[in-house]
Amino acid sequence: MNLHILAGIAVLLMLVAASAYREALRNEPIRRYRMNPGKLPPVDEND
């Protein structure tokens, strides 16, 4: 019985962690994958 309680608590903690992770990603997306036009190299228009 004690093992079942520990397993249930572990599953609940994993669900809480996954929910918090999804919420953090929704609120602050990873900036590395966003295209920032200000940081792109200049384009040669002489071609």
C-alpha atoms as a PDB file:
ATOM      1  CA  MET A   1       0.000   0.000   0.000  1.00  0.00           C
ATOM      2  CA  ASN A   2       2.825   2.385   0.870  1.00  0.00           C
ATOM      3  CA  LEU A   3       4.408   1.775  -2.557  1.00  0.00           C
ATOM      4  CA  HIS A   4       1.142   2.696  -4.266  1.00  0.00           C
ATOM      5  CA  ILE A   5       0.996   5.977  -2.379  1.00  0.00           C
ATOM      6  CA  LEU A   6       4.580   6.821  -3.331  1.00  0.00           C
ATOM      7  CA  ALA A   7       3.887   5.960  -6.987  1.00  0.00           C
ATOM      8  CA  GLY A   8       0.780   8.175  -6.970  1.00  0.00           C
ATOM      9  CA  ILE A   9       2.701  11.081  -5.487  1.00  0.00           C
ATOM     10  CA  ALA A  10       5.468  10.632  -8.078  1.00  0.00           C
ATOM     11  CA  VAL A  11       2.931  10.691 -10.924  1.00  0.00           C
ATOM     12  CA  LEU A  12       1.292  13.819  -9.523  1.00  0.00           C
ATOM     13  CA  LEU A  13       4.659  15.556  -9.218  1.00  0.00           C
ATOM     14  CA  MET A  14       5.492  14.671 -12.825  1.00  0.00           C
ATOM     15  CA  LEU A  15       2.167  16.081 -14.015  1.00  0.00           C
ATOM     16  CA  VAL A  16       2.716  19.302 -12.062  1.00  0.00           C
ATOM     17  CA  ALA A  17       6.228  19.650 -13.491  1.00  0.00           C
ATOM     18  CA  ALA A  18       5.014  19.069 -17.058  1.00  0.00           C
ATOM     19  CA  SER A  19       2.236  21.610 -16.610  1.00  0.00           C
ATOM     20  CA  ALA A  20       4.636  24.210 -15.213  1.00  0.00           C
ATOM     21  CA  TYR A  21       7.066  23.560 -18.086  1.00  0.00           C
ATOM     22  CA  ARG A  22       4.345  24.050 -20.710  1.00  0.00           C
ATOM     23  CA  GLU A  23       3.184  27.229 -18.992  1.00  0.00           C
ATOM     24  CA  ALA A  24       6.743  28.599 -18.913  1.00  0.00           C
ATOM     25  CA  LEU A  25       7.218  27.867 -22.619  1.00  0.00           C
ATOM     26  CA  ARG A  26       3.922  29.576 -23.446  1.00  0.00           C
ATOM     27  CA  ASN A  27       4.807  32.692 -21.455  1.00  0.00           C
ATOM     28  CA  GLU A  28       8.422  33.054 -22.620  1.00  0.00           C
ATOM     29  CA  PRO A  29       9.296  31.356 -25.915  1.00  0.00           C
ATOM     30  CA  ILE A  30      12.900  30.440 -26.632  1.00  0.00           C
ATOM     31  CA  ARG A  31      14.486  33.431 -28.351  1.00  0.00           C
ATOM     32  CA  ARG A  32      17.223  31.396 -30.030  1.00  0.00           C
ATOM     33  CA  TYR A  33      14.810  30.032 -32.648  1.00  0.00           C
ATOM     34  CA  ARG A  34      13.113  33.350 -33.419  1.00  0.00           C
ATOM     35  CA  MET A  35      14.281  35.192 -36.498  1.00  0.00           C
ATOM     36  CA  ASN A  36      15.486  38.668 -35.588  1.00  0.00           C
ATOM     37  CA  PRO A  37      15.877  40.805 -38.738  1.00  0.00           C
ATOM     38  CA  GLY A  38      18.136  43.269 -36.929  1.00  0.00           C
ATOM     39  CA  LYS A  39      20.832  40.642 -36.405  1.00  0.00           C
ATOM     40  CA  LEU A  40      20.891  39.217 -39.940  1.00  0.00           C
ATOM     41  CA  PRO A  41      23.900  40.089 -42.103  1.00  0.00           C
ATOM     42  CA  PRO A  42      23.375  42.787 -44.754  1.00  0.00           C
ATOM     43  CA  VAL A  43      22.219  41.608 -48.129  1.00  0.00           C
ATOM     44  CA  ASP A  44      24.262  42.437 -51.239  1.00  0.00           C
ATOM     45  CA  GLU A  45      21.986  43.993 -53.834  1.00  0.00           C
ATOM     46  CA  ASN A  46      24.716  44.377 -56.469  1.00  0.00           C
ATOM     47  CA  ASP A  47      24.233  40.902 -57.929  1.00  0.00           C
END
